PDB file of all heavy atoms in Angstrom:
ATOM      1  N   PHE A   1       4.750   0.561  -1.040  1.00  0.00           N
ATOM      2  CA  PHE A   1       4.530   1.616  -0.203  1.00  0.00           C
ATOM      3  C   PHE A   1       4.819   2.943  -0.757  1.00  0.00           C
ATOM      4  O   PHE A   1       5.591   3.013  -1.772  1.00  0.00           O
ATOM      5  CB  PHE A   1       5.398   1.424   1.096  1.00  0.00           C
ATOM      6  CG  PHE A   1       4.888   0.150   1.948  1.00  0.00           C
ATOM      7  CD1 PHE A   1       5.150  -1.072   1.537  1.00  0.00           C
ATOM      8  CD2 PHE A   1       4.189   0.371   3.000  1.00  0.00           C
ATOM      9  CE1 PHE A   1       4.744  -2.198   2.227  1.00  0.00           C
ATOM     10  CE2 PHE A   1       3.721  -0.779   3.739  1.00  0.00           C
ATOM     11  CZ  PHE A   1       4.073  -2.026   3.380  1.00  0.00           C
ATOM     12  N   ARG A   2       4.470   4.048  -0.256  1.00  0.00           N
ATOM     13  CA  ARG A   2       4.851   5.357  -0.763  1.00  0.00           C
ATOM     14  C   ARG A   2       4.959   6.314   0.547  1.00  0.00           C
ATOM     15  O   ARG A   2       4.453   6.171   1.496  1.00  0.00           O
ATOM     16  CB  ARG A   2       3.799   5.905  -1.650  1.00  0.00           C
ATOM     17  CG  ARG A   2       2.375   6.145  -1.177  1.00  0.00           C
ATOM     18  CD  ARG A   2       1.358   6.574  -2.262  1.00  0.00           C
ATOM     19  NE  ARG A   2       0.108   6.931  -1.699  1.00  0.00           N
ATOM     20  CZ  ARG A   2      -0.913   7.178  -2.393  1.00  0.00           C
ATOM     21  NH1 ARG A   2      -0.931   7.129  -3.719  1.00  0.00           N
ATOM     22  NH2 ARG A   2      -2.147   7.438  -1.810  1.00  0.00           N
ATOM     23  N   GLN A   3       5.783   7.380   0.258  1.00  0.00           N
ATOM     24  CA  GLN A   3       5.978   8.441   1.218  1.00  0.00           C
ATOM     25  C   GLN A   3       6.156   9.792   0.579  1.00  0.00           C
ATOM     26  O   GLN A   3       7.129   9.917  -0.396  1.00  0.00           O
ATOM     27  CB  GLN A   3       7.139   8.038   2.045  1.00  0.00           C
ATOM     28  CG  GLN A   3       7.313   9.042   3.219  1.00  0.00           C
ATOM     29  CD  GLN A   3       8.506   8.529   4.226  1.00  0.00           C
ATOM     30  OE1 GLN A   3       9.346   7.819   3.913  1.00  0.00           O
ATOM     31  NE2 GLN A   3       8.193   9.047   5.529  1.00  0.00           N
ATOM     32  N   ALA A   4       5.348  10.769   0.895  1.00  0.00           N
ATOM     33  CA  ALA A   4       5.472  12.067   0.347  1.00  0.00           C
ATOM     34  C   ALA A   4       6.249  12.991   1.460  1.00  0.00           C
ATOM     35  O   ALA A   4       6.386  12.634   2.572  1.00  0.00           O
ATOM     36  CB  ALA A   4       4.021  12.677   0.144  1.00  0.00           C
ATOM     37  N   PRO A   5       6.960  13.976   1.029  1.00  0.00           N
ATOM     38  CA  PRO A   5       7.636  14.959   1.934  1.00  0.00           C
ATOM     39  C   PRO A   5       6.658  15.380   3.077  1.00  0.00           C
ATOM     40  O   PRO A   5       5.608  15.866   2.831  1.00  0.00           O
ATOM     41  CB  PRO A   5       8.117  15.934   1.000  1.00  0.00           C
ATOM     42  CG  PRO A   5       8.216  15.501  -0.262  1.00  0.00           C
ATOM     43  CD  PRO A   5       7.101  14.394  -0.379  1.00  0.00           C
ATOM     44  N   GLY A   6       7.258  15.166   4.399  1.00  0.00           N
ATOM     45  CA  GLY A   6       6.430  15.755   5.470  1.00  0.00           C
ATOM     46  C   GLY A   6       5.446  14.651   5.944  1.00  0.00           C
ATOM     47  O   GLY A   6       4.647  15.075   6.854  1.00  0.00           O
ATOM     48  N   LYS A   7       5.230  13.479   5.240  1.00  0.00           N
ATOM     49  CA  LYS A   7       3.993  12.668   5.512  1.00  0.00           C
ATOM     50  C   LYS A   7       4.616  11.313   5.948  1.00  0.00           C
ATOM     51  O   LYS A   7       5.758  10.908   5.660  1.00  0.00           O
ATOM     52  CB  LYS A   7       3.078  12.427   4.341  1.00  0.00           C
ATOM     53  CG  LYS A   7       2.499  13.668   3.789  1.00  0.00           C
ATOM     54  CD  LYS A   7       1.449  14.231   4.772  1.00  0.00           C
ATOM     55  CE  LYS A   7       0.823  15.523   4.107  1.00  0.00           C
ATOM     56  NZ  LYS A   7      -0.066  15.148   3.120  1.00  0.00           N
ATOM     57  N   GLU A   8       3.781  10.507   6.708  1.00  0.00           N
ATOM     58  CA  GLU A   8       4.194   9.184   7.185  1.00  0.00           C
ATOM     59  C   GLU A   8       4.149   8.264   6.014  1.00  0.00           C
ATOM     60  O   GLU A   8       3.346   8.430   4.868  1.00  0.00           O
ATOM     61  CB  GLU A   8       3.197   8.765   8.204  1.00  0.00           C
ATOM     62  CG  GLU A   8       3.064   9.470   9.358  1.00  0.00           C
ATOM     63  CD  GLU A   8       4.408   9.127  10.230  1.00  0.00           C
ATOM     64  OE1 GLU A   8       4.993   8.225  10.217  1.00  0.00           O
ATOM     65  OE2 GLU A   8       4.844  10.209  11.073  1.00  0.00           O
ATOM     66  N   ARG A   9       4.950   7.197   6.023  1.00  0.00           N
ATOM     67  CA  ARG A   9       4.946   6.204   5.021  1.00  0.00           C
ATOM     68  C   ARG A   9       3.596   5.613   4.958  1.00  0.00           C
ATOM     69  O   ARG A   9       3.047   5.199   5.996  1.00  0.00           O
ATOM     70  CB  ARG A   9       6.074   5.076   5.249  1.00  0.00           C
ATOM     71  CG  ARG A   9       6.281   4.024   4.326  1.00  0.00           C
ATOM     72  CD  ARG A   9       7.293   3.203   4.543  1.00  0.00           C
ATOM     73  NE  ARG A   9       7.261   2.532   5.771  1.00  0.00           N
ATOM     74  CZ  ARG A   9       8.228   1.746   6.318  1.00  0.00           C
ATOM     75  NH1 ARG A   9       9.419   1.709   5.721  1.00  0.00           N
ATOM     76  NH2 ARG A   9       7.992   1.199   7.661  1.00  0.00           N
ATOM     77  N   GLU A  10       3.005   5.182   3.811  1.00  0.00           N
ATOM     78  CA  GLU A  10       1.716   4.657   3.634  1.00  0.00           C
ATOM     79  C   GLU A  10       1.705   3.358   2.742  1.00  0.00           C
ATOM     80  O   GLU A  10       2.420   3.341   1.708  1.00  0.00           O
ATOM     81  CB  GLU A  10       0.785   5.744   2.953  1.00  0.00           C
ATOM     82  CG  GLU A  10      -0.576   5.142   2.607  1.00  0.00           C
ATOM     83  CD  GLU A  10      -1.392   6.203   1.649  1.00  0.00           C
ATOM     84  OE1 GLU A  10      -0.750   7.043   1.157  1.00  0.00           O
ATOM     85  OE2 GLU A  10      -2.578   5.964   1.533  1.00  0.00           O
ATOM     86  N   GLY A  11       1.081   2.256   3.230  1.00  0.00           N
ATOM     87  CA  GLY A  11       0.922   1.140   2.566  1.00  0.00           C
ATOM     88  C   GLY A  11      -0.053   1.399   1.390  1.00  0.00           C
ATOM     89  O   GLY A  11      -1.130   1.910   1.608  1.00  0.00           O
ATOM     90  N   VAL A  12       0.234   0.990   0.192  1.00  0.00           N
ATOM     91  CA  VAL A  12      -0.461   1.174  -1.084  1.00  0.00           C
ATOM     92  C   VAL A  12      -1.219  -0.051  -1.409  1.00  0.00           C
ATOM     93  O   VAL A  12      -2.368  -0.111  -1.552  1.00  0.00           O
ATOM     94  CB  VAL A  12       0.322   1.512  -2.290  1.00  0.00           C
ATOM     95  CG1 VAL A  12      -0.487   1.769  -3.446  1.00  0.00           C
ATOM     96  CG2 VAL A  12       1.037   3.001  -1.831  1.00  0.00           C
ATOM     97  N   ALA A  13      -0.423  -1.276  -1.528  1.00  0.00           N
ATOM     98  CA  ALA A  13      -1.114  -2.439  -2.055  1.00  0.00           C
ATOM     99  C   ALA A  13      -0.124  -3.661  -1.718  1.00  0.00           C
ATOM    100  O   ALA A  13       1.138  -3.394  -1.541  1.00  0.00           O
ATOM    101  CB  ALA A  13      -1.369  -2.478  -3.545  1.00  0.00           C
ATOM    102  N   SER A  14      -0.667  -4.826  -1.565  1.00  0.00           N
ATOM    103  CA  SER A  14       0.176  -6.102  -1.360  1.00  0.00           C
ATOM    104  C   SER A  14      -0.461  -7.194  -2.095  1.00  0.00           C
ATOM    105  O   SER A  14      -1.554  -7.103  -2.452  1.00  0.00           O
ATOM    106  CB  SER A  14       0.271  -6.274   0.099  1.00  0.00           C
ATOM    107  OG  SER A  14      -0.898  -6.767   0.617  1.00  0.00           O
ATOM    108  N   ILE A  15       0.365  -8.280  -2.410  1.00  0.00           N
ATOM    109  CA  ILE A  15      -0.143  -9.421  -3.055  1.00  0.00           C
ATOM    110  C   ILE A  15       0.701 -10.625  -2.396  1.00  0.00           C
ATOM    111  O   ILE A  15       1.907 -10.701  -2.269  1.00  0.00           O
ATOM    112  CB  ILE A  15       0.225  -9.419  -4.574  1.00  0.00           C
ATOM    113  CG1 ILE A  15      -0.487 -10.579  -5.202  1.00  0.00           C
ATOM    114  CG2 ILE A  15       1.680  -9.097  -4.906  1.00  0.00           C
ATOM    115  CD1 ILE A  15      -0.525 -10.407  -6.739  1.00  0.00           C
ATOM    116  N   ASP A  16      -0.197 -11.656  -2.038  1.00  0.00           N
ATOM    117  CA  ASP A  16       0.364 -12.837  -1.268  1.00  0.00           C
ATOM    118  C   ASP A  16       0.841 -13.974  -2.345  1.00  0.00           C
ATOM    119  O   ASP A  16       0.636 -13.587  -3.577  1.00  0.00           O
ATOM    120  CB  ASP A  16      -0.683 -13.357  -0.450  1.00  0.00           C
ATOM    121  CG  ASP A  16      -0.059 -13.876   0.870  1.00  0.00           C
ATOM    122  OD1 ASP A  16       0.988 -14.505   0.884  1.00  0.00           O
ATOM    123  OD2 ASP A  16      -0.924 -13.831   1.945  1.00  0.00           O
ATOM    124  N   SER A  17       1.409 -14.960  -1.996  1.00  0.00           N
ATOM    125  CA  SER A  17       1.869 -15.960  -2.663  1.00  0.00           C
ATOM    126  C   SER A  17       0.839 -16.758  -3.480  1.00  0.00           C
ATOM    127  O   SER A  17       1.025 -17.219  -4.716  1.00  0.00           O
ATOM    128  CB  SER A  17       2.646 -17.079  -1.837  1.00  0.00           C
ATOM    129  OG  SER A  17       1.835 -17.480  -0.913  1.00  0.00           O
ATOM    130  N   ASP A  18      -0.495 -16.627  -2.908  1.00  0.00           N
ATOM    131  CA  ASP A  18      -1.571 -17.175  -3.569  1.00  0.00           C
ATOM    132  C   ASP A  18      -2.406 -16.312  -4.438  1.00  0.00           C
ATOM    133  O   ASP A  18      -3.501 -16.617  -5.028  1.00  0.00           O
ATOM    134  CB  ASP A  18      -2.557 -17.912  -2.534  1.00  0.00           C
ATOM    135  CG  ASP A  18      -3.201 -16.735  -1.677  1.00  0.00           C
ATOM    136  OD1 ASP A  18      -2.826 -15.567  -1.758  1.00  0.00           O
ATOM    137  OD2 ASP A  18      -4.188 -17.239  -0.865  1.00  0.00           O
ATOM    138  N   GLY A  19      -1.869 -15.015  -4.764  1.00  0.00           N
ATOM    139  CA  GLY A  19      -2.465 -14.018  -5.558  1.00  0.00           C
ATOM    140  C   GLY A  19      -3.495 -13.231  -4.799  1.00  0.00           C
ATOM    141  O   GLY A  19      -4.013 -12.296  -5.431  1.00  0.00           O
ATOM    142  N   SER A  20      -3.819 -13.298  -3.474  1.00  0.00           N
ATOM    143  CA  SER A  20      -4.732 -12.414  -2.818  1.00  0.00           C
ATOM    144  C   SER A  20      -4.108 -11.196  -2.676  1.00  0.00           C
ATOM    145  O   SER A  20      -2.878 -10.926  -2.270  1.00  0.00           O
ATOM    146  CB  SER A  20      -4.960 -13.062  -1.360  1.00  0.00           C
ATOM    147  OG  SER A  20      -5.760 -12.306  -0.546  1.00  0.00           O
ATOM    148  N   THR A  21      -4.965 -10.020  -2.914  1.00  0.00           N
ATOM    149  CA  THR A  21      -4.460  -8.682  -2.920  1.00  0.00           C
ATOM    150  C   THR A  21      -5.178  -7.842  -1.874  1.00  0.00           C
ATOM    151  O   THR A  21      -6.322  -8.116  -1.321  1.00  0.00           O
ATOM    152  CB  THR A  21      -4.699  -8.023  -4.293  1.00  0.00           C
ATOM    153  OG1 THR A  21      -6.018  -8.049  -4.528  1.00  0.00           O
ATOM    154  CG2 THR A  21      -3.929  -8.735  -5.264  1.00  0.00           C
ATOM    155  N   ARG A  22      -4.538  -6.683  -1.500  1.00  0.00           N
ATOM    156  CA  ARG A  22      -5.112  -5.795  -0.485  1.00  0.00           C
ATOM    157  C   ARG A  22      -4.632  -4.462  -0.937  1.00  0.00           C
ATOM    158  O   ARG A  22      -3.602  -4.156  -1.502  1.00  0.00           O
ATOM    159  CB  ARG A  22      -4.647  -6.017   0.994  1.00  0.00           C
ATOM    160  CG  ARG A  22      -5.130  -7.258   1.593  1.00  0.00           C
ATOM    161  CD  ARG A  22      -4.063  -7.848   2.680  1.00  0.00           C
ATOM    162  NE  ARG A  22      -3.011  -8.318   1.985  1.00  0.00           N
ATOM    163  CZ  ARG A  22      -2.876  -9.481   1.475  1.00  0.00           C
ATOM    164  NH1 ARG A  22      -4.012 -10.204   1.600  1.00  0.00           N
ATOM    165  NH2 ARG A  22      -1.816  -9.933   0.953  1.00  0.00           N
ATOM    166  N   TYR A  23      -5.655  -3.395  -0.769  1.00  0.00           N
ATOM    167  CA  TYR A  23      -5.346  -2.086  -1.228  1.00  0.00           C
ATOM    168  C   TYR A  23      -5.767  -1.038  -0.238  1.00  0.00           C
ATOM    169  O   TYR A  23      -6.637  -1.353   0.550  1.00  0.00           O
ATOM    170  CB  TYR A  23      -6.117  -1.733  -2.435  1.00  0.00           C
ATOM    171  CG  TYR A  23      -5.774  -2.487  -3.616  1.00  0.00           C
ATOM    172  CD1 TYR A  23      -6.500  -3.718  -3.942  1.00  0.00           C
ATOM    173  CD2 TYR A  23      -4.836  -2.189  -4.548  1.00  0.00           C
ATOM    174  CE1 TYR A  23      -6.136  -4.494  -4.998  1.00  0.00           C
ATOM    175  CE2 TYR A  23      -4.463  -2.895  -5.653  1.00  0.00           C
ATOM    176  CZ  TYR A  23      -5.066  -4.113  -5.927  1.00  0.00           C
ATOM    177  OH  TYR A  23      -4.805  -4.740  -7.038  1.00  0.00           O
ATOM    178  N   SER A  24      -5.009  -0.026  -0.088  1.00  0.00           N
ATOM    179  CA  SER A  24      -5.460   1.136   0.924  1.00  0.00           C
ATOM    180  C   SER A  24      -6.824   1.769   0.235  1.00  0.00           C
ATOM    181  O   SER A  24      -7.059   1.716  -1.021  1.00  0.00           O
ATOM    182  CB  SER A  24      -4.408   2.175   0.998  1.00  0.00           C
ATOM    183  OG  SER A  24      -4.165   2.751  -0.188  1.00  0.00           O
ATOM    184  N   ASP A  25      -7.651   2.318   1.074  1.00  0.00           N
ATOM    185  CA  ASP A  25      -8.798   2.836   0.570  1.00  0.00           C
ATOM    186  C   ASP A  25      -8.520   3.995  -0.354  1.00  0.00           C
ATOM    187  O   ASP A  25      -9.422   4.166  -1.354  1.00  0.00           O
ATOM    188  CB  ASP A  25      -9.622   3.459   1.752  1.00  0.00           C
ATOM    189  CG  ASP A  25     -10.254   2.334   2.652  1.00  0.00           C
ATOM    190  OD1 ASP A  25     -10.312   1.154   2.140  1.00  0.00           O
ATOM    191  OD2 ASP A  25     -10.498   2.612   3.810  1.00  0.00           O
ATOM    192  N   SER A  26      -7.538   4.767  -0.302  1.00  0.00           N
ATOM    193  CA  SER A  26      -7.236   5.927  -1.151  1.00  0.00           C
ATOM    194  C   SER A  26      -6.824   5.580  -2.552  1.00  0.00           C
ATOM    195  O   SER A  26      -7.060   6.349  -3.584  1.00  0.00           O
ATOM    196  CB  SER A  26      -6.031   6.826  -0.517  1.00  0.00           C
ATOM    197  OG  SER A  26      -4.839   5.983  -0.493  1.00  0.00           O
ATOM    198  N   VAL A  27      -6.544   4.213  -2.852  1.00  0.00           N
ATOM    199  CA  VAL A  27      -6.180   3.807  -4.202  1.00  0.00           C
ATOM    200  C   VAL A  27      -7.119   2.768  -4.738  1.00  0.00           C
ATOM    201  O   VAL A  27      -7.044   2.445  -5.985  1.00  0.00           O
ATOM    202  CB  VAL A  27      -4.775   3.387  -4.235  1.00  0.00           C
ATOM    203  CG1 VAL A  27      -3.705   4.528  -3.619  1.00  0.00           C
ATOM    204  CG2 VAL A  27      -4.545   2.085  -3.598  1.00  0.00           C
TER     205      VAL A  27
END
C-alpha cells in the first residue's frame, strides 16, 4: 500500500498464497 501527503491510503498490489496477483489500475 502507499500514502502520499494529503491523500488517502491506496492499495498498490497483492499476492495470494497460490501466487495469484492483483494490481491497482494506476500501476
